[in-house]
PDB file of all heavy atoms in Angstrom:
ATOM      1  N   ALA A   1      -1.363 -37.286  -3.457  1.00  0.00           N
ATOM      2  CA  ALA A   1      -1.280 -36.129  -2.571  1.00  0.00           C
ATOM      3  C   ALA A   1      -0.983 -34.871  -3.375  1.00  0.00           C
ATOM      4  O   ALA A   1      -0.246 -34.909  -4.358  1.00  0.00           O
ATOM      5  CB  ALA A   1      -0.207 -36.342  -1.513  1.00  0.00           C
ATOM      6  N   GLY A   2      -1.574 -33.748  -2.942  1.00  0.00           N
ATOM      7  CA  GLY A   2      -1.366 -32.479  -3.619  1.00  0.00           C
ATOM      8  C   GLY A   2      -2.406 -31.470  -3.195  1.00  0.00           C
ATOM      9  O   GLY A   2      -3.488 -31.844  -2.709  1.00  0.00           O
ATOM     10  N   ASP A   3      -2.109 -30.197  -3.332  1.00  0.00           N
ATOM     11  CA  ASP A   3      -3.031 -29.123  -2.983  1.00  0.00           C
ATOM     12  C   ASP A   3      -3.554 -29.240  -1.548  1.00  0.00           C
ATOM     13  O   ASP A   3      -4.724 -28.969  -1.266  1.00  0.00           O
ATOM     14  CB  ASP A   3      -4.219 -29.093  -3.960  1.00  0.00           C
ATOM     15  CG  ASP A   3      -3.853 -28.451  -5.293  1.00  0.00           C
ATOM     16  OD1 ASP A   3      -2.650 -28.228  -5.525  1.00  0.00           O
ATOM     17  OD2 ASP A   3      -4.756 -28.174  -6.096  1.00  0.00           O
ATOM     18  N   GLY A   4      -2.695 -29.707  -0.649  1.00  0.00           N
ATOM     19  CA  GLY A   4      -3.075 -29.816   0.755  1.00  0.00           C
ATOM     20  C   GLY A   4      -3.924 -31.020   1.097  1.00  0.00           C
ATOM     21  O   GLY A   4      -4.388 -31.163   2.233  1.00  0.00           O
ATOM     22  N   LEU A   5      -4.137 -31.932   0.140  1.00  0.00           N
ATOM     23  CA  LEU A   5      -4.989 -33.105   0.354  1.00  0.00           C
ATOM     24  C   LEU A   5      -4.236 -34.404   0.149  1.00  0.00           C
ATOM     25  O   LEU A   5      -3.234 -34.459  -0.564  1.00  0.00           O
ATOM     26  CB  LEU A   5      -6.185 -33.075  -0.614  1.00  0.00           C
ATOM     27  CG  LEU A   5      -7.163 -31.902  -0.508  1.00  0.00           C
ATOM     28  CD1 LEU A   5      -8.234 -32.048  -1.581  1.00  0.00           C
ATOM     29  CD2 LEU A   5      -7.790 -31.836   0.873  1.00  0.00           C
ATOM     30  N   VAL A   6      -4.758 -35.452   0.782  1.00  0.00           N
ATOM     31  CA  VAL A   6      -4.332 -36.827   0.516  1.00  0.00           C
ATOM     32  C   VAL A   6      -5.567 -37.564   0.010  1.00  0.00           C
ATOM     33  O   VAL A   6      -6.621 -37.546   0.668  1.00  0.00           O
ATOM     34  CB  VAL A   6      -3.781 -37.509   1.786  1.00  0.00           C
ATOM     35  CG1 VAL A   6      -3.429 -38.962   1.503  1.00  0.00           C
ATOM     36  CG2 VAL A   6      -2.557 -36.754   2.303  1.00  0.00           C
ATOM     37  N   ILE A   7      -5.456 -38.197  -1.163  1.00  0.00           N
ATOM     38  CA  ILE A   7      -6.618 -38.798  -1.827  1.00  0.00           C
ATOM     39  C   ILE A   7      -6.483 -40.319  -1.873  1.00  0.00           C
ATOM     40  O   ILE A   7      -5.452 -40.847  -2.291  1.00  0.00           O
ATOM     41  CB  ILE A   7      -6.768 -38.267  -3.269  1.00  0.00           C
ATOM     42  CG1 ILE A   7      -6.817 -36.731  -3.291  1.00  0.00           C
ATOM     43  CG2 ILE A   7      -8.004 -38.866  -3.935  1.00  0.00           C
ATOM     44  CD1 ILE A   7      -8.037 -36.129  -2.641  1.00  0.00           C
ATOM     45  N   VAL A   8      -7.547 -41.009  -1.454  1.00  0.00           N
ATOM     46  CA  VAL A   8      -7.630 -42.463  -1.626  1.00  0.00           C
ATOM     47  C   VAL A   8      -8.970 -42.789  -2.277  1.00  0.00           C
ATOM     48  O   VAL A   8      -9.927 -42.016  -2.178  1.00  0.00           O
ATOM     49  CB  VAL A   8      -7.498 -43.231  -0.289  1.00  0.00           C
ATOM     50  CG1 VAL A   8      -6.120 -43.052   0.307  1.00  0.00           C
ATOM     51  CG2 VAL A   8      -8.565 -42.796   0.697  1.00  0.00           C
ATOM     52  N   VAL A   9      -9.030 -43.944  -2.950  1.00  0.00           N
ATOM     53  CA  VAL A   9     -10.270 -44.382  -3.595  1.00  0.00           C
ATOM     54  C   VAL A   9     -10.638 -45.755  -3.053  1.00  0.00           C
ATOM     55  O   VAL A   9      -9.795 -46.667  -3.007  1.00  0.00           O
ATOM     56  CB  VAL A   9     -10.121 -44.443  -5.128  1.00  0.00           C
ATOM     57  CG1 VAL A   9     -11.452 -44.799  -5.774  1.00  0.00           C
ATOM     58  CG2 VAL A   9      -9.607 -43.124  -5.671  1.00  0.00           C
ATOM     59  N   THR A  10     -11.880 -45.931  -2.643  1.00  0.00           N
ATOM     60  CA  THR A  10     -12.312 -47.175  -2.019  1.00  0.00           C
ATOM     61  C   THR A  10     -12.795 -48.196  -3.059  1.00  0.00           C
ATOM     62  O   THR A  10     -12.946 -47.880  -4.243  1.00  0.00           O
ATOM     63  CB  THR A  10     -13.446 -46.918  -1.020  1.00  0.00           C
ATOM     64  OG1 THR A  10     -14.642 -46.545  -1.745  1.00  0.00           O
ATOM     65  CG2 THR A  10     -13.082 -45.812  -0.057  1.00  0.00           C
ATOM     66  N   LYS A  11     -13.060 -49.389  -2.578  1.00  0.00           N
ATOM     67  CA  LYS A  11     -13.487 -50.494  -3.444  1.00  0.00           C
ATOM     68  C   LYS A  11     -14.804 -50.197  -4.153  1.00  0.00           C
ATOM     69  O   LYS A  11     -15.055 -50.677  -5.256  1.00  0.00           O
ATOM     70  CB  LYS A  11     -13.611 -51.772  -2.607  1.00  0.00           C
ATOM     71  CG  LYS A  11     -13.866 -53.025  -3.410  1.00  0.00           C
ATOM     72  CD  LYS A  11     -13.876 -54.252  -2.509  1.00  0.00           C
ATOM     73  CE  LYS A  11     -14.062 -55.521  -3.310  1.00  0.00           C
ATOM     74  NZ  LYS A  11     -14.037 -56.733  -2.430  1.00  0.00           N
ATOM     75  N   LYS A  12     -15.649 -49.386  -3.536  1.00  0.00           N
ATOM     76  CA  LYS A  12     -16.952 -49.058  -4.116  1.00  0.00           C
ATOM     77  C   LYS A  12     -16.939 -47.767  -4.928  1.00  0.00           C
ATOM     78  O   LYS A  12     -17.990 -47.204  -5.240  1.00  0.00           O
ATOM     79  CB  LYS A  12     -18.010 -48.987  -3.021  1.00  0.00           C
ATOM     80  CG  LYS A  12     -18.299 -50.342  -2.380  1.00  0.00           C
ATOM     81  CD  LYS A  12     -19.474 -50.260  -1.428  1.00  0.00           C
ATOM     82  CE  LYS A  12     -19.806 -51.631  -0.856  1.00  0.00           C
ATOM     83  NZ  LYS A  12     -20.967 -51.576   0.070  1.00  0.00           N
ATOM     84  N   GLY A  13     -15.730 -47.274  -5.244  1.00  0.00           N
ATOM     85  CA  GLY A  13     -15.625 -46.106  -6.096  1.00  0.00           C
ATOM     86  C   GLY A  13     -15.843 -44.791  -5.385  1.00  0.00           C
ATOM     87  O   GLY A  13     -16.255 -43.807  -6.008  1.00  0.00           O
ATOM     88  N   GLU A  14     -15.548 -44.732  -4.111  1.00  0.00           N
ATOM     89  CA  GLU A  14     -15.694 -43.496  -3.352  1.00  0.00           C
ATOM     90  C   GLU A  14     -14.337 -42.814  -3.214  1.00  0.00           C
ATOM     91  O   GLU A  14     -13.373 -43.425  -2.741  1.00  0.00           O
ATOM     92  CB  GLU A  14     -16.281 -43.780  -1.970  1.00  0.00           C
ATOM     93  CG  GLU A  14     -16.657 -42.533  -1.200  1.00  0.00           C
ATOM     94  CD  GLU A  14     -17.302 -42.858   0.136  1.00  0.00           C
ATOM     95  OE1 GLU A  14     -17.138 -43.999   0.612  1.00  0.00           O
ATOM     96  OE2 GLU A  14     -17.965 -41.981   0.704  1.00  0.00           O
ATOM     97  N   VAL A  15     -14.264 -41.565  -3.632  1.00  0.00           N
ATOM     98  CA  VAL A  15     -13.037 -40.784  -3.492  1.00  0.00           C
ATOM     99  C   VAL A  15     -13.082 -40.057  -2.150  1.00  0.00           C
ATOM    100  O   VAL A  15     -14.023 -39.305  -1.878  1.00  0.00           O
ATOM    101  CB  VAL A  15     -12.899 -39.754  -4.630  1.00  0.00           C
ATOM    102  CG1 VAL A  15     -11.587 -38.981  -4.489  1.00  0.00           C
ATOM    103  CG2 VAL A  15     -12.953 -40.452  -5.981  1.00  0.00           C
ATOM    104  N   ILE A  16     -12.070 -40.298  -1.317  1.00  0.00           N
ATOM    105  CA  ILE A  16     -12.025 -39.693   0.014  1.00  0.00           C
ATOM    106  C   ILE A  16     -10.818 -38.767   0.095  1.00  0.00           C
ATOM    107  O   ILE A  16      -9.691 -39.175  -0.185  1.00  0.00           O
ATOM    108  CB  ILE A  16     -11.965 -40.761   1.114  1.00  0.00           C
ATOM    109  CG1 ILE A  16     -13.219 -41.634   1.058  1.00  0.00           C
ATOM    110  CG2 ILE A  16     -11.819 -40.124   2.488  1.00  0.00           C
ATOM    111  CD1 ILE A  16     -13.231 -42.755   2.070  1.00  0.00           C
ATOM    112  N   ALA A  17     -11.065 -37.518   0.478  1.00  0.00           N
ATOM    113  CA  ALA A  17     -10.007 -36.524   0.609  1.00  0.00           C
ATOM    114  C   ALA A  17      -9.723 -36.280   2.084  1.00  0.00           C
ATOM    115  O   ALA A  17     -10.633 -35.982   2.869  1.00  0.00           O
ATOM    116  CB  ALA A  17     -10.417 -35.221  -0.070  1.00  0.00           C
ATOM    117  N   LEU A  18      -8.451 -36.407   2.458  1.00  0.00           N
ATOM    118  CA  LEU A  18      -8.012 -36.177   3.831  1.00  0.00           C
ATOM    119  C   LEU A  18      -7.118 -34.946   3.888  1.00  0.00           C
ATOM    120  O   LEU A  18      -6.419 -34.636   2.914  1.00  0.00           O
ATOM    121  CB  LEU A  18      -7.235 -37.395   4.355  1.00  0.00           C
ATOM    122  CG  LEU A  18      -7.908 -38.763   4.202  1.00  0.00           C
ATOM    123  CD1 LEU A  18      -6.938 -39.864   4.618  1.00  0.00           C
ATOM    124  CD2 LEU A  18      -9.181 -38.832   5.034  1.00  0.00           C
ATOM    125  N   ASP A  19      -7.125 -34.272   5.019  1.00  0.00           N
ATOM    126  CA  ASP A  19      -6.219 -33.141   5.216  1.00  0.00           C
ATOM    127  C   ASP A  19      -4.810 -33.696   5.392  1.00  0.00           C
ATOM    128  O   ASP A  19      -4.587 -34.573   6.211  1.00  0.00           O
ATOM    129  CB  ASP A  19      -6.637 -32.351   6.457  1.00  0.00           C
ATOM    130  CG  ASP A  19      -5.923 -31.008   6.543  1.00  0.00           C
ATOM    131  OD1 ASP A  19      -4.665 -30.998   6.555  1.00  0.00           O
ATOM    132  OD2 ASP A  19      -6.605 -29.976   6.607  1.00  0.00           O
ATOM    133  N   ARG A  20      -3.863 -33.190   4.633  1.00  0.00           N
ATOM    134  CA  ARG A  20      -2.516 -33.749   4.662  1.00  0.00           C
ATOM    135  C   ARG A  20      -1.804 -33.504   5.993  1.00  0.00           C
ATOM    136  O   ARG A  20      -0.857 -34.195   6.342  1.00  0.00           O
ATOM    137  CB  ARG A  20      -1.678 -33.182   3.527  1.00  0.00           C
ATOM    138  CG  ARG A  20      -1.179 -31.764   3.741  1.00  0.00           C
ATOM    139  CD  ARG A  20      -0.240 -31.352   2.640  1.00  0.00           C
ATOM    140  NE  ARG A  20       0.375 -30.046   2.874  1.00  0.00           N
ATOM    141  CZ  ARG A  20       1.506 -29.874   3.552  1.00  0.00           C
ATOM    142  NH1 ARG A  20       2.137 -30.925   4.057  1.00  0.00           N
ATOM    143  NH2 ARG A  20       2.009 -28.666   3.722  1.00  0.00           N
ATOM    144  N   LYS A  21      -2.269 -32.521   6.764  1.00  0.00           N
ATOM    145  CA  LYS A  21      -1.601 -32.183   8.016  1.00  0.00           C
ATOM    146  C   LYS A  21      -1.967 -33.118   9.163  1.00  0.00           C
ATOM    147  O   LYS A  21      -1.125 -33.432  10.008  1.00  0.00           O
ATOM    148  CB  LYS A  21      -1.927 -30.740   8.406  1.00  0.00           C
ATOM    149  CG  LYS A  21      -1.369 -29.709   7.436  1.00  0.00           C
ATOM    150  CD  LYS A  21      -1.724 -28.304   7.886  1.00  0.00           C
ATOM    151  CE  LYS A  21      -1.150 -27.269   6.925  1.00  0.00           C
ATOM    152  NZ  LYS A  21      -1.507 -25.879   7.332  1.00  0.00           N
ATOM    153  N   ASP A  22      -3.236 -33.562   9.223  1.00  0.00           N
ATOM    154  CA  ASP A  22      -3.661 -34.383  10.358  1.00  0.00           C
ATOM    155  C   ASP A  22      -4.466 -35.621   9.967  1.00  0.00           C
ATOM    156  O   ASP A  22      -4.833 -36.421  10.826  1.00  0.00           O
ATOM    157  CB  ASP A  22      -4.471 -33.542  11.343  1.00  0.00           C
ATOM    158  CG  ASP A  22      -5.634 -32.804  10.684  1.00  0.00           C
ATOM    159  OD1 ASP A  22      -6.058 -33.220   9.584  1.00  0.00           O
ATOM    160  OD2 ASP A  22      -6.115 -31.809  11.254  1.00  0.00           O
ATOM    161  N   GLY A  23      -4.761 -35.795   8.669  1.00  0.00           N
ATOM    162  CA  GLY A  23      -5.481 -36.979   8.224  1.00  0.00           C
ATOM    163  C   GLY A  23      -6.979 -36.922   8.404  1.00  0.00           C
ATOM    164  O   GLY A  23      -7.678 -37.911   8.132  1.00  0.00           O
ATOM    165  N   LYS A  24      -7.517 -35.795   8.854  1.00  0.00           N
ATOM    166  CA  LYS A  24      -8.960 -35.697   9.028  1.00  0.00           C
ATOM    167  C   LYS A  24      -9.660 -35.589   7.672  1.00  0.00           C
ATOM    168  O   LYS A  24      -9.161 -34.950   6.764  1.00  0.00           O
ATOM    169  CB  LYS A  24      -9.303 -34.470   9.877  1.00  0.00           C
ATOM    170  CG  LYS A  24      -8.852 -34.601  11.329  1.00  0.00           C
ATOM    171  CD  LYS A  24      -9.257 -33.387  12.151  1.00  0.00           C
ATOM    172  CE  LYS A  24      -8.827 -33.544  13.598  1.00  0.00           C
ATOM    173  NZ  LYS A  24      -9.202 -32.369  14.433  1.00  0.00           N
ATOM    174  N   GLN A  25     -10.826 -36.235   7.572  1.00  0.00           N
ATOM    175  CA  GLN A  25     -11.551 -36.239   6.297  1.00  0.00           C
ATOM    176  C   GLN A  25     -12.105 -34.857   5.985  1.00  0.00           C
ATOM    177  O   GLN A  25     -12.744 -34.217   6.814  1.00  0.00           O
ATOM    178  CB  GLN A  25     -12.681 -37.261   6.326  1.00  0.00           C
ATOM    179  CG  GLN A  25     -13.449 -37.352   5.017  1.00  0.00           C
ATOM    180  CD  GLN A  25     -14.425 -38.513   4.984  1.00  0.00           C
ATOM    181  OE1 GLN A  25     -14.105 -39.610   5.434  1.00  0.00           O
ATOM    182  NE2 GLN A  25     -15.609 -38.281   4.444  1.00  0.00           N
ATOM    183  N   ARG A  26     -11.862 -34.418   4.756  1.00  0.00           N
ATOM    184  CA  ARG A  26     -12.370 -33.121   4.289  1.00  0.00           C
ATOM    185  C   ARG A  26     -13.669 -33.305   3.509  1.00  0.00           C
ATOM    186  O   ARG A  26     -14.586 -32.525   3.651  1.00  0.00           O
ATOM    187  CB  ARG A  26     -11.309 -32.439   3.424  1.00  0.00           C
ATOM    188  CG  ARG A  26     -10.040 -32.079   4.185  1.00  0.00           C
ATOM    189  CD  ARG A  26     -10.093 -30.670   4.719  1.00  0.00           C
ATOM    190  NE  ARG A  26     -10.071 -29.707   3.643  1.00  0.00           N
ATOM    191  CZ  ARG A  26      -8.956 -29.206   3.091  1.00  0.00           C
ATOM    192  NH1 ARG A  26      -7.773 -29.588   3.531  1.00  0.00           N
ATOM    193  NH2 ARG A  26      -9.037 -28.323   2.116  1.00  0.00           N
ATOM    194  N   TRP A  27     -13.702 -34.309   2.637  1.00  0.00           N
ATOM    195  CA  TRP A  27     -14.904 -34.590   1.872  1.00  0.00           C
ATOM    196  C   TRP A  27     -14.825 -35.985   1.245  1.00  0.00           C
ATOM    197  O   TRP A  27     -13.771 -36.613   1.244  1.00  0.00           O
ATOM    198  CB  TRP A  27     -15.169 -33.544   0.790  1.00  0.00           C
ATOM    199  CG  TRP A  27     -14.020 -33.209  -0.127  1.00  0.00           C
ATOM    200  CD1 TRP A  27     -13.177 -32.136  -0.033  1.00  0.00           C
ATOM    201  CD2 TRP A  27     -13.580 -33.957  -1.280  1.00  0.00           C
ATOM    202  NE1 TRP A  27     -12.235 -32.166  -1.047  1.00  0.00           N
ATOM    203  CE2 TRP A  27     -12.474 -33.257  -1.828  1.00  0.00           C
ATOM    204  CE3 TRP A  27     -14.001 -35.115  -1.904  1.00  0.00           C
ATOM    205  CZ2 TRP A  27     -11.790 -33.698  -2.963  1.00  0.00           C
ATOM    206  CZ3 TRP A  27     -13.330 -35.553  -3.037  1.00  0.00           C
ATOM    207  CH2 TRP A  27     -12.243 -34.851  -3.553  1.00  0.00           C
TER     208      TRP A  27
END
């Protein structure tokens, strides 16, 4: 987490960025 984002990485190597305030996907 940082810069207003929450970052997770999936099993297939996809980086997913969520908005830290509500969890909605940003990119």
